[in-house]
Amino acid sequence: MKGYVQVYTGNGKGKTTAALGLALRAAGAGLNVYVAQFVKGMAYSELEALRALQDRITVRQFGRRCFIRGAPEPADVDAARQGLDETRRALASVATRS
């Protein structure tokens, strides 16, 4: 199975919207999608809209329910590490199915 990895980074707005737009296109084409969000742990409208597509699009958040201003706290770093580990496992599981 062939897969793609997209990474969106940077300050400001638009990363989630861009990622979910691409996820929606992929799901519409019959593909399964895994979205990992780092430094996000809160619910918002885009996630509510995706509930109808939860059989095709998996969204996992790895962050606390707050904004990070300044340096991240140890809990933020731990959440990011956990997210990276889980994301690696998700990618590896797709690679072993090909």
N, C-alpha and C. Protein backbone atom coordinates (compact mmCIF):
# COMPACT_ATOMS: atom_id res chain seq x y z
N MET A 1 0.84 -1.18 0.00
CA MET A 1 0.00 0.00 0.00
C MET A 1 0.89 1.24 0.00
N LYS A 2 0.58 2.17 -0.86
CA LYS A 2 1.33 3.41 -0.93
C LYS A 2 0.66 4.45 -0.04
N GLY A 3 1.46 5.18 0.70
CA GLY A 3 0.92 6.21 1.58
C GLY A 3 1.68 7.50 1.41
N TYR A 4 1.11 8.56 1.90
CA TYR A 4 1.72 9.88 1.84
C TYR A 4 1.75 10.48 3.23
N VAL A 5 2.76 11.27 3.50
CA VAL A 5 2.87 11.99 4.76
C VAL A 5 2.94 13.47 4.43
N GLN A 6 2.07 14.23 5.04
CA GLN A 6 2.07 15.69 4.91
C GLN A 6 2.37 16.27 6.28
N VAL A 7 3.22 17.28 6.36
CA VAL A 7 3.56 17.93 7.62
C VAL A 7 3.30 19.42 7.47
N TYR A 8 2.51 19.96 8.39
CA TYR A 8 2.21 21.39 8.40
C TYR A 8 2.77 21.97 9.69
N THR A 9 3.58 23.01 9.58
CA THR A 9 4.19 23.63 10.75
C THR A 9 4.10 25.15 10.63
N GLY A 10 4.41 25.82 11.72
CA GLY A 10 4.52 27.27 11.68
C GLY A 10 3.55 27.95 12.63
N ASN A 11 3.79 29.23 12.79
CA ASN A 11 2.92 30.05 13.65
C ASN A 11 1.72 30.52 12.86
N GLY A 12 0.66 30.81 13.57
CA GLY A 12 -0.51 31.38 12.92
C GLY A 12 -1.52 30.33 12.51
N LYS A 13 -2.45 30.77 11.71
CA LYS A 13 -3.60 29.93 11.37
C LYS A 13 -3.43 29.26 10.02
N GLY A 14 -4.22 28.21 9.83
CA GLY A 14 -4.31 27.57 8.52
C GLY A 14 -3.79 26.15 8.44
N LYS A 15 -3.01 25.72 9.40
CA LYS A 15 -2.43 24.37 9.32
C LYS A 15 -3.51 23.30 9.42
N THR A 16 -4.38 23.41 10.40
CA THR A 16 -5.44 22.41 10.57
C THR A 16 -6.38 22.43 9.39
N THR A 17 -6.76 23.60 8.94
CA THR A 17 -7.68 23.71 7.81
C THR A 17 -7.08 23.08 6.56
N ALA A 18 -5.80 23.33 6.30
CA ALA A 18 -5.14 22.73 5.13
C ALA A 18 -5.07 21.22 5.26
N ALA A 19 -4.70 20.73 6.43
CA ALA A 19 -4.58 19.29 6.64
C ALA A 19 -5.93 18.60 6.50
N LEU A 20 -6.97 19.19 7.06
CA LEU A 20 -8.28 18.55 7.00
C LEU A 20 -8.88 18.64 5.61
N GLY A 21 -8.54 19.67 4.86
CA GLY A 21 -8.98 19.73 3.47
C GLY A 21 -8.41 18.58 2.65
N LEU A 22 -7.14 18.32 2.84
CA LEU A 22 -6.50 17.21 2.13
C LEU A 22 -7.05 15.87 2.63
N ALA A 23 -7.32 15.78 3.93
CA ALA A 23 -7.90 14.55 4.49
C ALA A 23 -9.28 14.29 3.89
N LEU A 24 -10.06 15.32 3.73
CA LEU A 24 -11.39 15.19 3.14
C LEU A 24 -11.30 14.70 1.69
N ARG A 25 -10.36 15.24 0.94
CA ARG A 25 -10.16 14.78 -0.45
C ARG A 25 -9.78 13.31 -0.48
N ALA A 26 -8.87 12.91 0.40
CA ALA A 26 -8.42 11.52 0.43
C ALA A 26 -9.56 10.59 0.82
N ALA A 27 -10.32 10.97 1.84
CA ALA A 27 -11.45 10.14 2.27
C ALA A 27 -12.48 10.01 1.16
N GLY A 28 -12.71 11.09 0.43
CA GLY A 28 -13.63 11.06 -0.70
C GLY A 28 -13.16 10.13 -1.81
N ALA A 29 -11.86 9.92 -1.90
CA ALA A 29 -11.29 9.01 -2.89
C ALA A 29 -11.21 7.58 -2.37
N GLY A 30 -11.77 7.34 -1.17
CA GLY A 30 -11.80 5.99 -0.62
C GLY A 30 -10.59 5.60 0.21
N LEU A 31 -9.72 6.56 0.53
CA LEU A 31 -8.53 6.27 1.31
C LEU A 31 -8.78 6.47 2.80
N ASN A 32 -8.01 5.80 3.62
CA ASN A 32 -8.06 6.00 5.06
C ASN A 32 -7.01 7.03 5.44
N VAL A 33 -7.33 7.87 6.41
CA VAL A 33 -6.48 8.99 6.79
C VAL A 33 -6.24 8.97 8.28
N TYR A 34 -5.00 9.25 8.68
CA TYR A 34 -4.63 9.41 10.09
C TYR A 34 -4.06 10.82 10.25
N VAL A 35 -4.69 11.62 11.09
CA VAL A 35 -4.24 12.98 11.36
C VAL A 35 -3.75 13.04 12.80
N ALA A 36 -2.49 13.43 12.97
CA ALA A 36 -1.92 13.61 14.31
C ALA A 36 -1.74 15.09 14.54
N GLN A 37 -2.33 15.60 15.60
CA GLN A 37 -2.20 17.01 15.93
C GLN A 37 -1.37 17.13 17.20
N PHE A 38 -0.28 17.84 17.08
CA PHE A 38 0.58 18.08 18.23
C PHE A 38 0.26 19.45 18.80
N VAL A 39 0.33 19.57 20.09
CA VAL A 39 0.08 20.81 20.82
C VAL A 39 -1.38 21.23 20.69
N LYS A 40 -2.26 20.32 20.42
CA LYS A 40 -3.70 20.60 20.42
C LYS A 40 -4.38 19.53 21.25
N GLY A 41 -5.28 19.95 22.11
CA GLY A 41 -6.00 19.00 22.92
C GLY A 41 -7.44 19.40 23.16
N MET A 42 -7.92 20.32 22.35
CA MET A 42 -9.27 20.82 22.58
C MET A 42 -10.18 20.50 21.40
N ALA A 43 -11.46 20.50 21.67
CA ALA A 43 -12.46 20.26 20.62
C ALA A 43 -12.70 21.57 19.88
N TYR A 44 -13.03 21.49 18.60
CA TYR A 44 -13.38 22.65 17.82
C TYR A 44 -14.23 22.20 16.64
N SER A 45 -14.79 23.14 15.90
CA SER A 45 -15.83 22.85 14.91
C SER A 45 -15.41 21.88 13.82
N GLU A 46 -14.18 21.96 13.35
CA GLU A 46 -13.76 21.05 12.27
C GLU A 46 -13.82 19.59 12.72
N LEU A 47 -13.47 19.33 13.97
CA LEU A 47 -13.52 17.96 14.47
C LEU A 47 -14.96 17.46 14.55
N GLU A 48 -15.86 18.34 14.93
CA GLU A 48 -17.28 17.95 14.97
C GLU A 48 -17.76 17.58 13.56
N ALA A 49 -17.34 18.31 12.56
CA ALA A 49 -17.75 18.03 11.19
C ALA A 49 -17.21 16.69 10.70
N LEU A 50 -16.06 16.28 11.20
CA LEU A 50 -15.44 15.02 10.76
C LEU A 50 -16.08 13.78 11.37
N ARG A 51 -16.91 13.93 12.36
CA ARG A 51 -17.53 12.76 13.00
C ARG A 51 -18.26 11.87 11.98
N ALA A 52 -18.83 12.47 10.97
CA ALA A 52 -19.54 11.69 9.94
C ALA A 52 -18.57 10.84 9.12
N LEU A 53 -17.28 11.18 9.15
CA LEU A 53 -16.29 10.44 8.36
C LEU A 53 -15.32 9.65 9.23
N GLN A 54 -15.70 9.38 10.46
CA GLN A 54 -14.77 8.73 11.39
C GLN A 54 -14.40 7.31 10.98
N ASP A 55 -15.13 6.72 10.04
CA ASP A 55 -14.73 5.40 9.53
C ASP A 55 -13.54 5.51 8.56
N ARG A 56 -13.28 6.71 8.03
CA ARG A 56 -12.17 6.93 7.09
C ARG A 56 -11.08 7.85 7.63
N ILE A 57 -11.45 8.79 8.51
CA ILE A 57 -10.48 9.78 9.01
C ILE A 57 -10.34 9.63 10.52
N THR A 58 -9.15 9.31 10.96
CA THR A 58 -8.83 9.23 12.39
C THR A 58 -8.05 10.49 12.76
N VAL A 59 -8.51 11.19 13.78
CA VAL A 59 -7.81 12.37 14.27
C VAL A 59 -7.40 12.10 15.71
N ARG A 60 -6.12 12.23 15.98
CA ARG A 60 -5.58 12.06 17.34
C ARG A 60 -4.89 13.35 17.74
N GLN A 61 -5.21 13.81 18.92
CA GLN A 61 -4.60 15.03 19.45
C GLN A 61 -3.62 14.68 20.56
N PHE A 62 -2.47 15.33 20.52
CA PHE A 62 -1.43 15.11 21.51
C PHE A 62 -1.03 16.44 22.11
N GLY A 63 -1.84 16.89 23.01
CA GLY A 63 -1.58 18.16 23.68
C GLY A 63 -2.54 18.33 24.83
N ARG A 64 -2.26 19.33 25.62
CA ARG A 64 -3.14 19.64 26.74
C ARG A 64 -4.23 20.59 26.27
N ARG A 65 -5.22 20.78 27.08
CA ARG A 65 -6.34 21.66 26.73
C ARG A 65 -6.00 23.12 27.04
N CYS A 66 -4.94 23.61 26.44
CA CYS A 66 -4.52 24.99 26.68
C CYS A 66 -3.62 25.44 25.54
N PHE A 67 -3.38 26.74 25.49
CA PHE A 67 -2.43 27.29 24.54
C PHE A 67 -1.07 27.35 25.21
N ILE A 68 -0.02 27.16 24.43
CA ILE A 68 1.33 27.27 24.96
C ILE A 68 1.86 28.65 24.61
N ARG A 69 2.20 29.38 25.62
CA ARG A 69 2.81 30.69 25.43
C ARG A 69 4.22 30.60 26.00
N GLY A 70 5.20 30.90 25.20
CA GLY A 70 6.58 30.77 25.66
C GLY A 70 7.06 29.33 25.53
N ALA A 71 7.93 28.95 26.42
CA ALA A 71 8.51 27.60 26.39
C ALA A 71 7.47 26.57 26.83
N PRO A 72 7.46 25.40 26.18
CA PRO A 72 6.52 24.36 26.60
C PRO A 72 6.90 23.80 27.97
N GLU A 73 5.88 23.39 28.70
CA GLU A 73 6.10 22.74 30.00
C GLU A 73 6.44 21.27 29.77
N PRO A 74 7.00 20.60 30.78
CA PRO A 74 7.33 19.18 30.62
C PRO A 74 6.13 18.34 30.17
N ALA A 75 4.92 18.67 30.62
CA ALA A 75 3.73 17.91 30.20
C ALA A 75 3.48 18.05 28.71
N ASP A 76 3.79 19.23 28.16
CA ASP A 76 3.63 19.43 26.71
C ASP A 76 4.63 18.58 25.93
N VAL A 77 5.86 18.53 26.41
CA VAL A 77 6.90 17.74 25.76
C VAL A 77 6.55 16.25 25.84
N ASP A 78 6.06 15.82 26.99
CA ASP A 78 5.65 14.41 27.14
C ASP A 78 4.52 14.06 26.18
N ALA A 79 3.54 14.94 26.05
CA ALA A 79 2.41 14.69 25.14
C ALA A 79 2.91 14.59 23.70
N ALA A 80 3.84 15.45 23.32
CA ALA A 80 4.39 15.42 21.96
C ALA A 80 5.16 14.12 21.72
N ARG A 81 5.93 13.69 22.70
CA ARG A 81 6.67 12.43 22.55
C ARG A 81 5.72 11.25 22.40
N GLN A 82 4.67 11.23 23.22
CA GLN A 82 3.68 10.17 23.12
C GLN A 82 3.05 10.19 21.73
N GLY A 83 2.74 11.37 21.24
CA GLY A 83 2.14 11.50 19.92
C GLY A 83 3.07 11.02 18.82
N LEU A 84 4.32 11.35 18.92
CA LEU A 84 5.29 10.91 17.92
C LEU A 84 5.43 9.40 17.93
N ASP A 85 5.45 8.81 19.11
CA ASP A 85 5.52 7.34 19.21
C ASP A 85 4.31 6.69 18.57
N GLU A 86 3.12 7.19 18.90
CA GLU A 86 1.90 6.60 18.34
C GLU A 86 1.84 6.79 16.82
N THR A 87 2.25 7.95 16.36
CA THR A 87 2.24 8.22 14.93
C THR A 87 3.22 7.31 14.19
N ARG A 88 4.37 7.08 14.78
CA ARG A 88 5.32 6.14 14.17
C ARG A 88 4.70 4.74 14.06
N ARG A 89 4.01 4.30 15.11
CA ARG A 89 3.36 2.98 15.06
C ARG A 89 2.29 2.94 13.97
N ALA A 90 1.53 4.01 13.85
CA ALA A 90 0.48 4.07 12.82
C ALA A 90 1.10 3.98 11.42
N LEU A 91 2.17 4.73 11.20
CA LEU A 91 2.85 4.67 9.90
C LEU A 91 3.43 3.29 9.63
N ALA A 92 4.03 2.70 10.65
CA ALA A 92 4.63 1.36 10.49
C ALA A 92 3.57 0.32 10.18
N SER A 93 2.39 0.46 10.76
CA SER A 93 1.34 -0.53 10.52
C SER A 93 0.87 -0.49 9.07
N VAL A 94 0.88 0.67 8.46
CA VAL A 94 0.51 0.78 7.04
C VAL A 94 1.61 0.20 6.18
N ALA A 95 2.87 0.47 6.54
CA ALA A 95 4.01 -0.02 5.75
C ALA A 95 4.07 -1.55 5.75
N THR A 96 3.67 -2.18 6.84
CA THR A 96 3.74 -3.65 6.90
C THR A 96 2.60 -4.30 6.13
N ARG A 97 1.56 -3.55 5.78
CA ARG A 97 0.45 -4.11 5.02
C ARG A 97 0.68 -4.07 3.53
N SER A 98 1.73 -3.39 3.07
CA SER A 98 1.93 -3.26 1.62
C SER A 98 2.61 -4.46 1.02
